[in-house]
Amino acid sequence: MTWGMHEAAATTERPVSSTRQQGCGAAGGADATSAFSRAPMLSVCDLTIRFGGIVALDKVSFAIGAGQILGLIGPNGAGKTTLFNCVSRLYTPTSGDILFNGASLLGQPAHRIAQLGVNRTFQNLALFRSMSVLDNVRVGAHARSRGDFFTDALRLGRARAEQRKIDTRAAALLADLGLESVAYRCVADLPTGTQKRVELARALAGEPKLLLLDEPAGGLNHHDVEELGRTITGIRDRHGVTVLLVEHHMNLVMSVSDTVVALDFGRKIAEGTPEEVRNDAEVIRAYLGGAAT
């Protein structure tokens, strides 16, 4: 299956304001079907967002169970990154709701999301390029730090204990992701594949329950993509992290995902196992521009 191309929506505009719908069913809305026996960790319920006259997401609903990997696919402009930006509170949807462990995220400011247990990576690497690998990962751990300005500034005992905890966490993640040998290297001097692992380590340093991966295979060669797939499933298995994955690399999504949701022009067009979605007529039409055979 090859990837079709749509014109991307103009996402530089601010979403129009509107009163969101109150409440969301535990399973994430009437048309969201859960493949999990447990209550979902994340429920997206009838999510709609408009940028001026453009409807970027149109009543999208789905749910992710704890410990699952859900792949979110769709042609360019389908609304995948817009949905990520709603979950991480960079955008406020026009209507609908997002529940994390049963509580709405929409009343939370963006700076609180990581503290609640939701971390993300970005399409374009958002690392501190002049800093070392180790320092980038340490920054990620500060989102869950219990320090405050007074204790940190005076280097009181609690602040020193917190820093030791951060250093231990960072060192363990560098070892886990094979980054020990470049711990003190400047991030800007490293190849793209290594920088992707640094961004993963930084996101994990915040001890997330839910990890949002936005096109992590972008710019990687075939070997690095295969290694990334093993890394993602390893993160889920070793760290117990639930993963929401947006990716254009079909083989990667299909090989690591428990469930796949397909979007097209902001609408959900398919949801199911990787095999079910791969063979769905609407998905084939969206990507290949024709009917399923």
Protein backbone atom coordinates (compact mmCIF):
# COMPACT_ATOMS: atom_id res chain seq x y z
CA MET A 1 0.00 0.00 0.00
CA THR A 2 1.34 3.41 -0.94
CA TRP A 3 0.52 6.72 0.59
CA GLY A 4 -1.80 9.19 -1.14
CA MET A 5 -1.41 12.91 -0.74
CA HIS A 6 -4.02 15.45 0.31
CA GLU A 7 -3.49 19.16 0.70
CA ALA A 8 -2.87 19.85 4.40
CA ALA A 9 -5.30 22.10 6.22
CA ALA A 10 -4.02 25.52 7.21
CA THR A 11 -3.24 24.81 10.85
CA THR A 12 -1.62 28.13 11.57
CA GLU A 13 -5.04 29.66 12.22
CA ARG A 14 -6.43 29.62 15.73
CA PRO A 15 -9.42 27.31 16.27
CA VAL A 16 -12.72 29.12 16.48
CA SER A 17 -14.06 29.19 20.01
CA SER A 18 -17.20 27.30 20.95
CA THR A 19 -18.80 25.72 23.98
CA ARG A 20 -17.70 22.09 24.02
CA GLN A 21 -20.12 19.28 24.66
CA GLN A 22 -20.13 18.24 28.30
CA GLY A 23 -19.35 14.67 29.23
CA CYS A 24 -18.17 11.65 27.31
CA GLY A 25 -19.04 8.01 27.68
CA ALA A 26 -16.41 5.78 29.24
CA ALA A 27 -15.90 4.00 25.95
CA GLY A 28 -15.28 7.24 24.10
CA GLY A 29 -18.59 7.93 22.36
CA ALA A 30 -21.43 6.06 20.71
CA ASP A 31 -19.51 4.99 17.58
CA ALA A 32 -16.28 4.09 19.38
CA THR A 33 -15.88 0.35 19.89
CA SER A 34 -13.43 -0.90 22.51
CA ALA A 35 -11.42 -4.06 21.93
CA PHE A 36 -10.34 -4.09 25.54
CA SER A 37 -11.88 -5.75 28.58
CA ARG A 38 -10.63 -2.97 30.84
CA ALA A 39 -11.87 0.60 30.94
CA PRO A 40 -9.94 2.67 28.38
CA MET A 41 -7.06 4.88 29.45
CA LEU A 42 -7.82 7.45 26.75
CA SER A 43 -11.27 8.12 25.26
CA VAL A 44 -11.70 10.55 22.38
CA CYS A 45 -15.40 11.41 22.09
CA ASP A 46 -17.00 13.13 19.09
CA LEU A 47 -13.98 15.43 18.76
CA THR A 48 -14.49 18.33 16.35
CA ILE A 49 -12.19 21.25 15.65
CA ARG A 50 -12.49 24.01 13.07
CA PHE A 51 -9.88 26.45 11.78
CA GLY A 52 -11.91 29.23 10.24
CA GLY A 53 -14.06 27.46 7.62
CA ILE A 54 -11.96 24.28 7.63
CA VAL A 55 -13.18 21.29 9.63
CA ALA A 56 -9.93 19.59 10.65
CA LEU A 57 -11.62 16.92 12.79
CA ASP A 58 -15.26 15.91 12.42
CA LYS A 59 -16.78 14.00 15.38
CA VAL A 60 -13.86 11.59 15.76
CA SER A 61 -14.22 8.94 18.49
CA PHE A 62 -12.02 6.04 19.60
CA ALA A 63 -10.56 4.59 22.79
CA ILE A 64 -7.23 3.08 23.90
CA GLY A 65 -6.89 0.51 26.65
CA ALA A 66 -4.01 0.60 29.13
CA GLY A 67 -0.91 -1.11 27.77
CA GLN A 68 -2.11 -0.97 24.15
CA ILE A 69 -0.49 0.51 21.05
CA LEU A 70 -2.97 2.30 18.79
CA GLY A 71 -1.84 3.41 15.35
CA LEU A 72 -3.49 6.50 13.88
CA ILE A 73 -3.14 6.64 10.09
CA GLY A 74 -4.40 8.78 7.25
CA PRO A 75 -3.23 10.72 4.19
CA ASN A 76 -1.63 14.14 4.60
CA GLY A 77 -4.18 16.62 5.93
CA ALA A 78 -6.35 13.90 7.49
CA GLY A 79 -6.18 15.52 10.96
CA LYS A 80 -3.76 13.20 12.76
CA THR A 81 -1.40 15.82 14.20
CA THR A 82 -4.35 18.11 14.92
CA LEU A 83 -5.78 15.34 17.10
CA PHE A 84 -2.42 14.99 18.88
CA ASN A 85 -2.40 18.71 19.51
CA CYS A 86 -5.86 18.48 21.06
CA VAL A 87 -4.81 15.64 23.39
CA SER A 88 -1.66 17.50 24.47
CA ARG A 89 -3.76 20.70 24.88
CA LEU A 90 -1.95 22.79 22.29
CA TYR A 91 -5.37 23.16 20.63
CA THR A 92 -8.82 23.44 22.19
CA PRO A 93 -11.46 21.53 20.21
CA THR A 94 -14.65 23.20 19.08
CA SER A 95 -16.74 20.37 20.57
CA GLY A 96 -16.40 16.88 21.97
CA ASP A 97 -14.29 15.64 24.87
CA ILE A 98 -11.05 13.83 25.70
CA LEU A 99 -10.99 11.63 28.80
CA PHE A 100 -7.78 10.42 30.41
CA ASN A 101 -8.41 7.75 33.03
CA GLY A 102 -12.02 8.93 33.18
CA ALA A 103 -11.33 12.65 33.68
CA SER A 104 -11.59 15.32 30.99
CA LEU A 105 -8.33 16.86 29.79
CA LEU A 106 -10.03 19.88 28.30
CA GLY A 107 -10.10 21.84 31.53
CA GLN A 108 -6.36 21.37 32.00
CA PRO A 109 -3.73 23.91 30.84
CA ALA A 110 -1.04 22.60 28.48
CA HIS A 111 1.69 22.77 31.13
CA ARG A 112 -0.24 20.33 33.35
CA ILE A 113 -0.56 17.55 30.78
CA ALA A 114 2.90 16.03 31.34
CA GLN A 115 2.35 16.08 35.10
CA LEU A 116 -0.86 14.10 34.59
CA GLY A 117 1.08 11.40 32.72
CA VAL A 118 0.80 12.32 29.01
CA ASN A 119 4.03 13.01 27.08
CA ARG A 120 4.72 13.33 23.39
CA THR A 121 7.31 13.57 20.64
CA PHE A 122 6.99 15.84 17.60
CA GLN A 123 7.12 15.46 13.80
CA ASN A 124 10.07 17.82 13.72
CA LEU A 125 12.62 17.09 16.42
CA ALA A 126 12.15 19.51 19.32
CA LEU A 127 15.41 18.85 21.16
CA PHE A 128 17.74 21.40 22.75
CA ARG A 129 20.34 21.11 20.04
CA SER A 130 23.20 22.84 21.87
CA MET A 131 22.81 20.60 24.92
CA SER A 132 24.15 17.10 25.50
CA VAL A 133 22.08 13.94 25.18
CA LEU A 134 22.12 13.49 28.95
CA ASP A 135 20.97 17.05 29.64
CA ASN A 136 18.11 16.73 27.14
CA VAL A 137 16.87 13.63 28.95
CA ARG A 138 17.25 15.33 32.34
CA VAL A 139 14.99 18.14 31.11
CA GLY A 140 12.25 15.59 30.43
CA ALA A 141 12.41 14.33 34.00
CA HIS A 142 11.81 17.78 35.47
CA ALA A 143 8.13 17.64 34.42
CA ARG A 144 7.53 15.24 37.31
CA SER A 145 9.96 16.87 39.72
CA ARG A 146 8.67 17.85 43.19
CA GLY A 147 11.14 20.67 43.59
CA ASP A 148 10.28 24.36 43.80
CA PHE A 149 12.13 27.59 43.12
CA PHE A 150 13.20 28.16 46.72
CA THR A 151 14.63 24.69 47.43
CA ASP A 152 16.26 24.46 43.99
CA ALA A 153 17.87 27.91 44.22
CA LEU A 154 19.35 27.23 47.67
CA ARG A 155 20.34 23.65 46.80
CA LEU A 156 18.67 22.31 49.92
CA GLY A 157 18.78 18.62 50.77
CA ARG A 158 15.45 17.91 49.12
CA ALA A 159 16.63 19.53 45.90
CA ARG A 160 19.85 17.49 45.87
CA ALA A 161 17.88 14.27 46.47
CA GLU A 162 15.54 15.17 43.62
CA GLN A 163 18.49 15.81 41.29
CA ARG A 164 19.99 12.42 42.16
CA LYS A 165 16.67 10.81 41.33
CA ILE A 166 16.58 12.61 37.97
CA ASP A 167 20.17 11.60 37.19
CA THR A 168 19.41 7.96 38.02
CA ARG A 169 16.31 7.99 35.85
CA ALA A 170 18.16 9.61 32.94
CA ALA A 171 21.08 7.15 33.15
CA ALA A 172 18.69 4.17 33.16
CA LEU A 173 16.89 5.46 30.06
CA LEU A 174 20.15 6.07 28.21
CA ALA A 175 21.13 2.47 28.91
CA ASP A 176 17.70 1.18 27.93
CA LEU A 177 17.72 2.97 24.57
CA GLY A 178 21.38 2.34 23.75
CA LEU A 179 22.50 5.95 24.21
CA GLU A 180 25.17 5.56 26.88
CA SER A 181 28.04 5.97 24.41
CA VAL A 182 26.74 9.39 23.28
CA ALA A 183 25.55 10.66 26.68
CA TYR A 184 27.89 13.66 26.67
CA ARG A 185 27.73 14.38 22.92
CA CYS A 186 25.98 17.49 21.65
CA VAL A 187 22.61 16.47 20.19
CA ALA A 188 23.15 18.56 17.04
CA ASP A 189 26.17 16.41 16.11
CA LEU A 190 24.24 13.13 16.07
CA PRO A 191 22.45 11.42 13.15
CA THR A 192 18.67 11.65 12.86
CA GLY A 193 18.05 8.09 14.04
CA THR A 194 19.98 8.71 17.24
CA GLN A 195 18.24 12.04 17.83
CA LYS A 196 14.89 10.25 17.52
CA ARG A 197 15.94 7.90 20.34
CA VAL A 198 17.03 10.89 22.43
CA GLU A 199 13.59 12.44 22.02
CA LEU A 200 11.99 9.13 23.04
CA ALA A 201 14.22 8.98 26.12
CA ARG A 202 13.32 12.57 27.05
CA ALA A 203 9.59 11.80 26.73
CA LEU A 204 9.98 8.67 28.87
CA ALA A 205 11.94 10.60 31.50
CA GLY A 206 8.67 12.21 32.56
CA GLU A 207 7.32 8.76 33.49
CA PRO A 208 4.27 8.96 31.22
CA LYS A 209 1.32 6.62 31.35
CA LEU A 210 0.39 7.62 27.79
CA LEU A 211 3.04 8.36 25.14
CA LEU A 212 2.11 10.20 21.93
CA LEU A 213 4.53 9.48 19.07
CA ASP A 214 4.10 11.88 16.14
CA GLU A 215 5.70 10.36 13.01
CA PRO A 216 8.77 8.92 14.77
CA ALA A 217 9.98 7.18 11.58
CA GLY A 218 10.27 10.43 9.60
CA GLY A 219 13.73 10.71 8.01
CA LEU A 220 14.82 7.20 9.00
CA ASN A 221 16.21 4.54 6.67
CA HIS A 222 14.79 1.02 6.40
CA HIS A 223 17.12 -0.45 9.04
CA ASP A 224 16.36 2.36 11.49
CA VAL A 225 12.60 1.92 10.97
CA GLU A 226 12.85 -1.78 11.84
CA GLU A 227 14.84 -0.89 14.95
CA LEU A 228 12.27 1.76 15.86
CA GLY A 229 9.50 -0.83 15.73
CA ARG A 230 11.36 -3.00 18.23
CA THR A 231 12.00 0.06 20.39
CA ILE A 232 8.31 1.05 20.50
CA THR A 233 7.11 -2.42 21.48
CA GLY A 234 9.98 -2.65 23.98
CA ILE A 235 8.94 0.65 25.57
CA ARG A 236 5.40 -0.64 25.96
CA ASP A 237 6.54 -3.97 27.41
CA ARG A 238 9.33 -2.76 29.71
CA HIS A 239 7.83 0.53 30.90
CA GLY A 240 4.13 -0.38 30.82
CA VAL A 241 3.40 2.68 28.69
CA THR A 242 0.29 3.02 26.51
CA VAL A 243 1.19 4.36 23.04
CA LEU A 244 -0.76 6.47 20.54
CA LEU A 245 1.25 6.40 17.31
CA VAL A 246 0.81 8.66 14.28
CA GLU A 247 2.88 7.40 11.37
CA HIS A 248 3.04 7.44 7.57
CA HIS A 249 5.16 4.26 7.43
CA MET A 250 2.49 1.59 6.90
CA ASN A 251 4.68 -1.43 7.68
CA LEU A 252 5.73 0.08 11.01
CA VAL A 253 2.15 0.85 12.07
CA MET A 254 0.85 -2.57 11.07
CA SER A 255 3.69 -4.43 12.78
CA VAL A 256 3.45 -2.77 16.21
CA SER A 257 -0.20 -1.72 16.65
CA ASP A 258 -2.88 -3.66 18.51
CA THR A 259 -5.56 -1.43 16.98
CA VAL A 260 -5.49 0.94 14.01
CA VAL A 261 -7.75 3.96 13.42
CA ALA A 262 -7.83 5.55 9.96
CA LEU A 263 -8.77 9.18 9.31
CA ASP A 264 -9.54 10.91 6.02
CA PHE A 265 -10.40 14.62 5.69
CA GLY A 266 -10.92 14.76 9.47
CA ARG A 267 -13.37 11.84 9.67
CA LYS A 268 -12.80 8.37 11.09
CA ILE A 269 -13.24 5.93 8.20
CA ALA A 270 -12.06 2.67 9.80
CA GLU A 271 -11.11 1.11 13.12
CA GLY A 272 -9.99 -2.43 13.94
CA THR A 273 -7.05 -4.79 13.90
CA PRO A 274 -4.17 -3.98 11.54
CA GLU A 275 -5.36 -6.67 9.11
CA GLU A 276 -8.95 -5.42 9.16
CA VAL A 277 -7.93 -1.82 8.48
CA ARG A 278 -5.38 -2.80 5.82
CA ASN A 279 -8.16 -4.50 3.83
CA ASP A 280 -10.89 -1.93 4.49
CA ALA A 281 -12.39 -0.57 1.26
CA GLU A 282 -12.56 3.02 2.54
CA VAL A 283 -8.91 2.93 3.60
CA ILE A 284 -7.83 1.56 0.22
CA ARG A 285 -9.85 4.27 -1.52
CA ALA A 286 -8.29 7.00 0.65
CA TYR A 287 -4.73 5.88 -0.06
CA LEU A 288 -4.96 4.49 -3.57
CA GLY A 289 -7.76 6.63 -4.95
CA GLY A 290 -9.82 3.70 -6.16
CA ALA A 291 -12.09 0.87 -5.07
CA ALA A 292 -10.89 -2.20 -3.18
CA THR A 293 -10.27 -5.33 -5.21
